[in-house]
Amino acid sequence: MTIVAPVVNDNVTMFYATDAVTITECRAVLYGGASTPTVTYSIITGSSRGTETTTNISGAVVTNITTGTAASIGTAAIAAGSFVWVKLTAVGGTVPEFHVSLHF
C-alpha cells in the first residue's frame, strides 16, 4: 500500500481480511526525498473501520530509501472480518512516497 506525499495523521485503509491471517513480516520503504526522510506509523485492525480493536504494529519507524525496514510485530493475528489500516504519527524531512507491505 502506497501513500503519495504522506503527512502526519494520514489514516488509510489497506484491505479487509475475509479470513483470519497471521502477519509474518511488515516492511516499509520510502521513495525519494531529501533531508533524511522518516515516517513513523502503526498498523491497526478493527471489526469496523471506525473501531480500533488491535494495534498490530505500533510506532514503527522507517528511514530507508532502498531496501526498506522490517517492523516489530506486536500482535501478529488479524481476525477474520477485520479492516486493516495504517496510521502515520510522524513525518520528517521531504517524503514523496511511503510504502508498507504486510506478508502472511
Protein backbone atom coordinates (compact mmCIF):
# COMPACT_ATOMS: atom_id res chain seq x y z
CA MET A 1 0.00 0.00 0.00
CA THR A 2 1.46 3.35 -1.03
CA ILE A 3 0.75 6.85 0.21
CA VAL A 4 1.93 9.65 -2.05
CA ALA A 5 3.07 12.83 -0.23
CA PRO A 6 2.37 11.42 3.25
CA VAL A 7 1.54 13.76 6.13
CA VAL A 8 1.03 13.32 9.86
CA ASN A 9 -2.38 11.81 10.71
CA ASP A 10 -2.83 10.09 7.34
CA ASN A 11 -5.17 7.21 8.16
CA VAL A 12 -5.58 4.90 5.14
CA THR A 13 -7.37 1.58 4.69
CA MET A 14 -5.10 -1.19 3.42
CA PHE A 15 -7.61 -4.05 3.00
CA TYR A 16 -10.42 -6.12 4.52
CA ALA A 17 -9.49 -9.60 5.80
CA THR A 18 -12.25 -12.08 4.99
CA ASP A 19 -10.25 -14.89 6.64
CA ALA A 20 -8.04 -14.87 9.74
CA VAL A 21 -4.37 -14.32 8.84
CA THR A 22 -1.08 -14.08 10.69
CA ILE A 23 1.43 -11.34 9.85
CA THR A 24 4.90 -12.81 9.29
CA GLU A 25 6.57 -9.58 8.17
CA CYS A 26 5.79 -5.90 7.85
CA ARG A 27 8.22 -3.95 5.67
CA ALA A 28 8.14 -0.26 4.80
CA VAL A 29 10.25 1.83 2.46
CA LEU A 30 10.41 5.49 1.47
CA TYR A 31 10.91 6.62 -2.10
CA GLY A 32 12.71 9.81 -3.00
CA GLY A 33 13.03 12.63 -0.57
CA ALA A 34 15.83 14.60 0.96
CA SER A 35 16.88 15.86 4.37
CA THR A 36 16.82 12.38 5.96
CA PRO A 37 13.19 11.37 5.35
CA THR A 38 11.45 9.49 8.15
CA VAL A 39 7.95 8.15 8.78
CA THR A 40 6.52 6.70 12.00
CA TYR A 41 3.44 4.52 11.57
CA SER A 42 1.16 1.95 13.15
CA ILE A 43 -0.88 -0.89 11.65
CA ILE A 44 -4.33 -1.20 13.20
CA THR A 45 -7.22 -3.63 12.80
CA GLY A 46 -10.88 -3.46 13.73
CA SER A 47 -14.21 -5.11 13.07
CA SER A 48 -15.42 -1.82 11.58
CA ARG A 49 -13.33 0.91 10.01
CA GLY A 50 -14.09 3.27 12.88
CA THR A 51 -13.33 0.82 15.70
CA GLU A 52 -9.69 0.22 16.64
CA THR A 53 -9.69 -3.30 18.07
CA THR A 54 -5.98 -4.17 17.86
CA THR A 55 -2.78 -2.24 17.23
CA ASN A 56 -0.74 -4.93 15.47
CA ILE A 57 2.32 -2.77 14.87
CA SER A 58 2.91 0.34 16.95
CA GLY A 59 5.31 3.22 16.43
CA ALA A 60 7.36 1.62 13.65
CA VAL A 61 9.94 3.96 12.12
CA VAL A 62 11.27 3.83 8.56
CA THR A 63 14.10 5.95 7.17
CA ASN A 64 15.32 3.54 4.50
CA ILE A 65 15.00 4.58 0.84
CA THR A 66 16.48 1.43 -0.74
CA THR A 67 15.58 -1.96 0.76
CA GLY A 68 13.08 -0.91 3.43
CA THR A 69 12.85 -1.61 7.13
CA ALA A 70 11.09 -4.53 8.81
CA ALA A 71 8.90 -3.53 11.76
CA SER A 72 8.48 -5.32 15.07
CA ILE A 73 5.13 -7.11 15.15
CA GLY A 74 3.29 -6.70 18.46
CA THR A 75 0.22 -8.78 17.61
CA ALA A 76 0.57 -10.98 14.53
CA ALA A 77 -3.02 -12.24 14.37
CA ILE A 78 -5.62 -10.47 12.23
CA ALA A 79 -9.13 -11.77 12.87
CA ALA A 80 -11.48 -12.72 10.06
CA GLY A 81 -13.85 -9.88 9.25
CA SER A 82 -11.34 -7.14 10.11
CA PHE A 83 -10.43 -3.94 8.35
CA VAL A 84 -6.70 -3.22 8.32
CA TRP A 85 -5.32 0.30 8.10
CA VAL A 86 -2.13 2.30 8.50
CA LYS A 87 -1.92 5.45 10.61
CA LEU A 88 1.00 7.87 10.27
CA THR A 89 2.04 9.55 13.51
CA ALA A 90 5.15 11.44 12.35
CA VAL A 91 6.66 12.51 9.04
CA GLY A 92 10.07 14.18 8.89
CA GLY A 93 12.01 15.68 6.02
CA THR A 94 10.69 15.53 2.49
CA VAL A 95 8.89 12.24 1.81
CA PRO A 96 7.41 11.94 -1.70
CA GLU A 97 6.23 8.37 -1.17
CA PHE A 98 5.70 5.91 1.72
CA HIS A 99 5.04 2.23 1.05
CA VAL A 100 4.20 -0.54 3.53
CA SER A 101 3.60 -4.24 2.84
CA LEU A 102 2.27 -6.97 5.07
CA HIS A 103 3.30 -10.58 4.44
CA PHE A 104 1.37 -13.60 5.70
